[in-house]
Protein backbone atom coordinates (compact mmCIF):
# COMPACT_ATOMS: atom_id res chain seq x y z
CA MET A 1 17.64 33.70 2.49
CA ASP A 2 15.78 33.92 5.79
CA ASN A 3 13.76 30.73 6.36
CA SER A 4 12.62 31.62 9.87
CA ASN A 5 9.08 32.29 8.66
CA LYS A 6 8.85 28.65 7.54
CA ILE A 7 9.80 27.18 10.90
CA VAL A 8 6.87 26.09 13.07
CA PRO A 9 7.54 26.92 16.74
CA PRO A 10 7.51 23.78 18.92
CA HIS A 11 4.46 24.83 20.95
CA LEU A 12 2.42 25.40 17.79
CA ASN A 13 3.56 22.08 16.38
CA ALA A 14 2.30 20.40 19.56
CA GLU A 15 -1.03 22.19 19.17
CA ILE A 16 -1.36 20.78 15.66
CA TYR A 17 -0.92 17.26 17.01
CA ARG A 18 -3.43 17.85 19.82
CA THR A 19 -6.08 18.81 17.31
CA ASP A 20 -5.09 16.24 14.70
CA THR A 21 -8.06 14.36 13.28
CA THR A 22 -6.24 11.60 11.47
CA GLY A 23 -8.75 9.01 10.33
CA THR A 24 -8.84 5.43 11.51
CA THR A 25 -8.25 4.01 8.03
CA THR A 26 -5.21 1.76 8.05
CA GLN A 27 -3.13 0.96 5.01
CA SER A 28 -1.72 -2.55 5.29
CA TYR A 29 1.67 -3.32 3.81
CA LEU A 30 1.65 -7.11 3.62
CA GLU A 31 5.08 -8.51 4.52
CA TYR A 32 4.80 -12.32 4.43
CA ILE A 33 2.51 -15.27 3.82
CA ASN A 34 2.74 -18.83 5.14
CA ILE A 35 0.39 -21.70 4.30
CA HIS A 36 -0.17 -24.54 6.78
CA SER A 37 -0.56 -28.15 5.67
CA ASP A 38 -4.29 -27.96 6.54
CA GLY A 39 -4.73 -25.03 4.15
CA SER A 40 -4.79 -22.26 6.78
CA VAL A 41 -3.02 -19.05 5.79
CA LEU A 42 -0.94 -16.71 7.96
CA VAL A 43 -0.44 -13.18 6.64
CA GLY A 44 1.66 -10.56 8.45
CA SER A 45 1.66 -6.84 7.82
CA SER A 46 2.92 -3.43 8.80
CA GLU A 47 0.22 -0.77 9.05
CA LEU A 48 0.65 2.90 8.30
CA THR A 49 -1.97 5.34 9.58
CA GLY A 50 -0.02 8.56 9.15
CA ARG A 51 1.21 9.07 12.70
CA TYR A 52 1.75 5.49 13.78
CA TRP A 53 3.30 2.46 12.14
CA ASN A 54 1.79 -0.53 13.86
CA GLY A 55 1.44 -4.06 12.59
CA GLY A 56 -0.58 -7.21 12.73
CA ALA A 57 -1.20 -10.72 11.51
CA SER A 58 -4.26 -12.64 10.39
CA VAL A 59 -4.97 -16.34 10.07
CA TYR A 60 -7.55 -17.50 7.53
CA LYS A 61 -9.10 -20.92 7.03
CA SER A 62 -8.14 -21.01 3.36
CA ILE A 63 -6.44 -19.01 0.66
CA ALA A 64 -9.84 -18.32 -0.89
CA GLU A 65 -11.02 -16.69 2.33
CA ALA A 66 -7.83 -14.64 2.58
CA GLN A 67 -8.24 -13.30 -0.96
CA LYS A 68 -11.79 -12.09 -0.23
CA VAL A 69 -10.81 -9.95 2.75
CA PRO A 70 -11.25 -6.18 2.17
CA LEU A 71 -8.06 -4.13 2.11
CA ASP A 72 -9.15 -2.02 5.11
CA GLU A 73 -10.10 -4.93 7.39
CA LYS A 74 -8.27 -4.98 10.71
CA PRO A 75 -6.01 -7.99 11.36
CA GLY A 76 -7.00 -10.69 13.83
CA ILE A 77 -3.80 -10.06 15.81
CA SER A 78 -2.89 -6.43 16.48
CA LEU A 79 0.71 -5.52 17.29
CA ALA A 80 2.33 -2.34 18.58
CA SER A 81 4.94 -2.52 15.81
CA GLY A 82 5.36 -4.02 12.37
CA THR A 83 6.12 -7.70 11.84
CA ALA A 84 8.72 -8.87 9.33
CA ASP A 85 8.26 -12.64 9.69
CA GLY A 86 6.16 -15.28 11.39
CA CYS A 87 5.22 -18.94 11.22
CA PHE A 88 2.78 -21.55 12.46
CA ILE A 89 3.70 -23.58 15.54
CA GLY A 90 2.57 -27.14 14.88
CA SER A 91 -1.16 -26.73 14.28
CA SER A 92 -2.81 -23.75 12.64
CA THR A 93 -4.17 -22.55 16.01
CA LYS A 94 -0.85 -21.20 17.25
CA VAL A 95 1.61 -18.77 15.62
CA PHE A 96 5.05 -17.32 16.34
CA LEU A 97 5.59 -13.68 15.36
CA CYS A 98 8.71 -11.52 14.99
CA GLU A 99 8.14 -7.85 15.78
CA ASP A 100 9.97 -4.70 14.74
CA SER A 101 10.20 -3.70 18.41
CA GLY A 102 12.58 -6.62 19.01
CA ALA A 103 9.93 -8.74 20.68
CA VAL A 104 8.95 -12.27 19.72
CA SER A 105 5.53 -13.53 20.70
CA VAL A 106 3.37 -16.64 20.66
CA TRP A 107 -0.35 -16.28 19.93
CA ALA A 108 -3.03 -18.95 20.25
CA ASN A 109 -6.55 -19.24 18.91
CA ASN A 110 -8.98 -18.90 21.81
CA SER A 111 -11.52 -21.37 20.47
CA GLU A 112 -13.55 -21.33 23.70
CA GLN A 113 -14.22 -17.62 23.35
CA GLN A 114 -17.11 -16.99 20.99
CA SER A 115 -16.53 -13.26 20.59
CA ALA A 116 -14.63 -12.34 17.44
CA TRP A 117 -12.83 -9.62 19.41
CA ASN A 118 -11.02 -12.24 21.50
CA LEU A 119 -10.32 -14.87 18.88
CA TRP A 120 -6.52 -14.69 19.27
CA LYS A 121 -4.74 -14.34 22.60
CA GLU A 122 -1.10 -13.60 23.29
CA GLU A 123 0.26 -16.48 25.36
CA VAL A 124 3.74 -15.10 25.93
CA SER A 125 5.98 -12.34 24.62
CA VAL A 126 9.62 -11.49 25.34
CA SER A 127 11.82 -8.64 24.13
CA GLU A 128 15.39 -9.89 23.99
CA HIS A 129 16.46 -8.61 20.57
CA ASP A 130 17.88 -5.08 20.86
CA ASN A 131 16.48 -4.19 17.46
CA ALA A 132 13.87 -5.57 15.08
CA ALA A 133 13.44 -9.36 14.93
CA LEU A 134 13.58 -9.95 11.18
CA SER A 135 13.53 -13.70 10.50
CA VAL A 136 12.39 -16.96 12.09
CA ASP A 137 12.67 -20.63 11.12
CA CYS A 138 11.81 -23.93 12.76
CA LEU A 139 14.51 -26.23 14.15
CA ASP A 140 12.29 -28.77 15.91
CA PRO A 141 8.52 -28.46 15.24
CA GLU A 142 6.60 -27.31 18.33
CA HIS A 143 9.82 -27.28 20.38
CA GLN A 144 12.68 -25.12 19.09
CA TYR A 145 12.78 -22.11 16.77
CA VAL A 146 15.60 -19.78 15.75
CA THR A 147 15.35 -16.03 15.18
CA ALA A 148 17.72 -13.42 13.76
CA GLY A 149 17.53 -9.67 14.13
CA ALA A 150 18.76 -6.25 13.15
CA ASP A 151 20.95 -6.30 16.27
CA GLY A 152 23.21 -8.91 14.64
CA VAL A 153 22.15 -11.55 17.16
CA VAL A 154 20.83 -15.09 16.61
CA LYS A 155 18.69 -16.74 19.30
CA VAL A 156 17.45 -20.31 19.69
CA TRP A 157 14.14 -20.53 21.57
CA ASP A 158 12.30 -23.15 23.58
CA ILE A 159 8.88 -22.36 22.16
CA ASN A 160 6.87 -23.78 25.06
CA ASP A 161 8.08 -21.20 27.59
CA LEU A 162 9.76 -18.85 25.12
CA ILE A 163 13.10 -19.19 26.87
CA CYS A 164 16.30 -18.40 24.98
CA LEU A 165 18.33 -21.62 24.98
CA ARG A 166 21.32 -20.25 23.08
CA ASN A 167 22.29 -16.68 22.35
CA TYR A 168 24.79 -16.00 19.54
CA ARG A 169 25.45 -12.39 20.56
CA THR A 170 28.27 -11.80 18.10
CA ALA A 171 26.88 -13.87 15.25
CA HIS A 172 27.34 -10.99 12.78
CA SER A 173 28.61 -7.43 13.03
CA LEU A 174 25.60 -5.92 11.22
CA ILE A 175 21.92 -6.61 10.53
CA ILE A 176 20.99 -10.26 9.97
CA TYR A 177 18.32 -10.36 7.30
CA ALA A 178 17.81 -14.12 7.01
CA VAL A 179 18.02 -17.39 8.90
CA ALA A 180 17.33 -20.74 7.20
CA VAL A 181 17.30 -24.13 8.91
CA ARG A 182 19.02 -26.90 7.01
CA PRO A 183 16.58 -29.56 5.73
CA LYS A 184 16.54 -32.88 7.63
CA SER A 185 18.40 -31.26 10.53
CA LYS A 186 17.22 -30.10 13.95
CA THR A 187 20.44 -28.30 14.85
CA SER A 188 22.03 -26.79 11.73
CA PHE A 189 21.10 -23.46 10.15
CA ALA A 190 22.55 -20.67 8.01
CA THR A 191 22.43 -16.91 8.43
CA GLY A 192 22.91 -14.06 5.96
CA SER A 193 23.87 -10.56 7.02
CA MET A 194 24.49 -7.01 5.97
CA ASP A 195 28.14 -7.64 6.91
CA GLN A 196 28.32 -9.64 3.62
CA TYR A 197 28.82 -13.05 5.26
CA VAL A 198 26.75 -16.22 4.96
CA THR A 199 27.54 -18.42 7.95
CA LEU A 200 26.68 -22.00 8.86
CA TRP A 201 25.86 -22.75 12.51
CA ASP A 202 25.10 -25.76 14.67
CA GLU A 203 22.93 -25.35 17.75
CA ASN A 204 25.18 -27.73 19.69
CA THR A 205 28.20 -25.42 19.42
CA GLU A 206 28.79 -21.85 20.51
CA ALA A 207 30.97 -20.85 17.55
CA SER A 208 30.06 -20.88 13.88
CA VAL A 209 30.81 -24.01 11.85
CA LEU A 210 32.11 -22.17 8.77
CA ASP A 211 31.59 -19.16 6.52
CA LEU A 212 29.91 -20.30 3.31
CA LEU A 213 30.39 -16.98 1.51
CA LYS A 214 32.17 -13.66 1.91
CA ASN A 215 30.27 -11.53 -0.57
CA ASP A 216 31.01 -8.06 -1.92
CA CYS A 217 27.63 -6.68 -0.78
CA CYS A 218 24.81 -7.27 1.69
CA ILE A 219 23.09 -10.69 1.88
CA ARG A 220 19.29 -10.30 1.91
CA CYS A 221 17.81 -13.81 1.83
CA LEU A 222 18.57 -17.53 2.01
CA ALA A 223 16.83 -20.76 1.00
CA TRP A 224 17.95 -24.40 1.00
CA LEU A 225 17.33 -26.39 -2.18
CA ASP A 226 18.19 -29.56 -0.27
CA GLU A 227 20.34 -30.50 2.74
CA ASN A 228 23.54 -29.55 0.88
CA ARG A 229 22.72 -26.75 -1.57
CA LEU A 230 22.00 -23.24 -0.32
CA LEU A 231 20.69 -20.33 -2.40
CA MET A 232 21.73 -16.81 -1.40
CA GLY A 233 20.27 -13.55 -2.71
CA ASP A 234 22.11 -10.26 -2.27
CA GLU A 235 21.63 -6.50 -2.45
CA ALA A 236 22.98 -6.33 -6.01
CA GLY A 237 20.32 -8.75 -7.28
CA VAL A 238 22.74 -11.66 -7.66
CA LEU A 239 21.65 -15.19 -6.80
CA HIS A 240 24.48 -17.42 -5.55
CA LEU A 241 24.49 -21.19 -5.05
CA SER A 242 26.75 -22.86 -2.50
CA ASP A 243 27.27 -26.54 -1.69
CA VAL A 244 28.31 -27.12 1.93
CA ARG A 245 30.32 -30.13 0.78
CA ASN A 246 32.52 -27.77 -1.25
CA PRO A 247 32.11 -24.31 0.30
CA ASP A 248 34.95 -22.76 -1.69
CA ASP A 249 33.06 -23.27 -4.95
CA VAL A 250 30.24 -20.69 -4.87
CA VAL A 251 28.44 -20.27 -8.19
CA LYS A 252 26.69 -17.13 -9.46
CA VAL A 253 23.60 -18.62 -11.08
CA THR A 254 21.63 -15.57 -12.22
CA GLN A 255 21.06 -11.86 -11.63
CA PHE A 256 17.92 -9.75 -11.16
CA PRO A 257 17.43 -6.00 -11.70
CA ALA A 258 16.91 -5.27 -7.98
CA ALA A 259 17.93 -6.57 -4.56
CA VAL A 260 16.65 -10.11 -3.94
CA HIS A 261 14.26 -9.95 -0.97
CA LYS A 262 12.71 -13.42 -0.71
CA LEU A 263 13.36 -16.95 -1.96
CA VAL A 264 10.73 -19.68 -1.61
CA VAL A 265 11.62 -23.22 -2.68
CA HIS A 266 8.89 -25.53 -3.95
CA PRO A 267 8.55 -28.43 -1.46
CA GLU A 268 8.51 -31.11 -4.18
CA CYS A 269 10.89 -29.88 -6.90
CA ASP A 270 13.72 -27.45 -7.64
CA LYS A 271 11.44 -24.54 -8.51
CA VAL A 272 12.20 -21.34 -6.62
CA ALA A 273 9.98 -18.26 -6.36
CA VAL A 274 11.96 -15.01 -6.29
CA CYS A 275 10.75 -11.64 -4.97
CA CYS A 276 12.96 -8.58 -5.38
CA ASP A 277 12.73 -4.94 -4.32
CA ASN A 278 10.26 -4.27 -7.13
CA LYS A 279 6.82 -5.49 -8.24
CA ILE A 280 8.13 -8.45 -10.26
CA VAL A 281 7.49 -12.10 -9.37
CA SER A 282 9.80 -14.70 -10.94
CA VAL A 283 10.11 -18.47 -10.74
CA CYS A 284 13.40 -20.18 -11.54
CA ASP A 285 14.06 -23.83 -12.31
CA PHE A 286 17.30 -25.21 -10.85
CA THR A 287 18.95 -28.42 -11.98
CA GLU A 288 21.71 -30.52 -10.47
CA ASN A 289 24.37 -28.92 -12.65
CA THR A 290 23.68 -25.48 -11.07
CA GLU A 291 22.08 -24.06 -14.20
CA SER A 292 18.94 -21.98 -13.74
CA LYS A 293 16.16 -20.96 -16.08
CA VAL A 294 13.40 -18.42 -15.51
CA ILE A 295 10.14 -20.25 -16.24
CA TYR A 296 7.74 -17.57 -14.98
CA HIS A 297 7.90 -13.77 -14.92
CA ASP A 298 5.13 -11.34 -13.95
CA ARG A 299 5.31 -7.57 -13.45
CA HIS A 300 1.63 -6.61 -13.64
CA MET A 301 -0.27 -8.28 -10.77
CA HIS A 302 1.29 -6.12 -8.04
CA ASN A 303 1.56 -2.35 -8.24
CA ASN A 304 3.99 -2.09 -5.32
CA TYR A 305 6.88 -4.08 -3.88
CA VAL A 306 6.32 -7.84 -3.58
CA ARG A 307 7.39 -9.01 -0.11
CA GLY A 308 6.33 -12.62 0.43
CA ALA A 309 5.36 -15.81 -1.38
CA ALA A 310 4.10 -19.32 -0.64
CA TRP A 311 3.33 -22.35 -2.79
CA ASP A 312 -0.24 -23.66 -2.75
CA ILE A 313 -0.92 -26.86 -0.79
CA GLU A 314 -3.40 -28.40 -3.25
CA ASP A 315 -2.48 -26.97 -6.64
CA LYS A 316 1.27 -27.53 -6.77
CA LYS A 317 1.70 -25.18 -9.73
CA THR A 318 0.10 -22.17 -8.05
CA LEU A 319 2.14 -19.54 -6.25
CA HIS A 320 0.59 -17.00 -3.88
CA THR A 321 2.28 -13.65 -3.29
CA VAL A 322 1.71 -10.64 -1.05
CA GLY A 323 3.06 -7.13 -1.21
CA TRP A 324 2.80 -3.53 -0.15
CA ASN A 325 -0.30 -3.02 -2.28
CA GLY A 326 -2.16 -4.99 0.42
CA GLU A 327 -3.41 -7.76 -1.87
CA ILE A 328 -2.86 -11.52 -2.17
CA LYS A 329 -2.29 -12.63 -5.75
CA ALA A 330 -2.25 -16.11 -7.32
CA HIS A 331 0.17 -17.05 -10.11
CA SER A 332 -0.27 -20.11 -12.31
CA VAL A 333 3.20 -21.42 -13.11
CA ILE A 334 3.49 -23.93 -15.95
CA TRP A 335 6.26 -26.49 -16.29
CA ASP A 336 6.64 -30.00 -17.66
């Protein structure tokens, strides 16, 4: 069958774009949420307008303020690409952002500028990842941070000048989805990759310390329960638990119906929020004997993929989640 009549000649296609009247309405796909100890909230997003996929981040004074923001409000920080992860740097007036372009940037609140248009200013930005920067964690608050990207590279940064102190160029052979700094350490961290490995590193050495897991599918996320126990979520929806003191004994603790995207450990107990590649939010309770129990399960608050979560600073039994529906939701989790 001749399909030539369905093909738009290139010059006509260009004419369509020249006369395109795509509206300015932006649909925000919220990617992550972080809550500072003073109650400030950082929310990052990718933004789809139809022809462009930009991104941005916003910082709010409280979770209540963040929940009142209209879905179509522009972010306080506008980026030329999406952002997959970000964090506060010390105080709530400075943030570190990972960008899909491969750039990492530091933004500061310009408190001396009264105009709302200039509230946040980019202090420094560098593009050293050859693909999207996907994950960031803090090694030494206000001094050193570590990022991992889709280029399979891990970088340790001096945050003051945004200089790469150590570059693990061959850290993994495929995309690195997650980096997690070991609690009570300023040098040790773990990475999880599409090459199916979970690897432990030390910033003082050029080579990896050891491989904690060789999985049978892609590793999507990591979270430390304490300085010895590491949770690992994979593409098959399986949650693994490894103890660095006995790395050969990796336990499969539970399984979810979709790939595990995000793990957020409660700062005061072994409760872990789990977000998968679906609209379900779960909370698991982990005990010392590696058993887990789902104590909370919700599939109705979000109508699109859930991407990020953070525990409330004041109400310890409240979990806040964000997702591609553009909304921030609060979950009341009950336990003894």
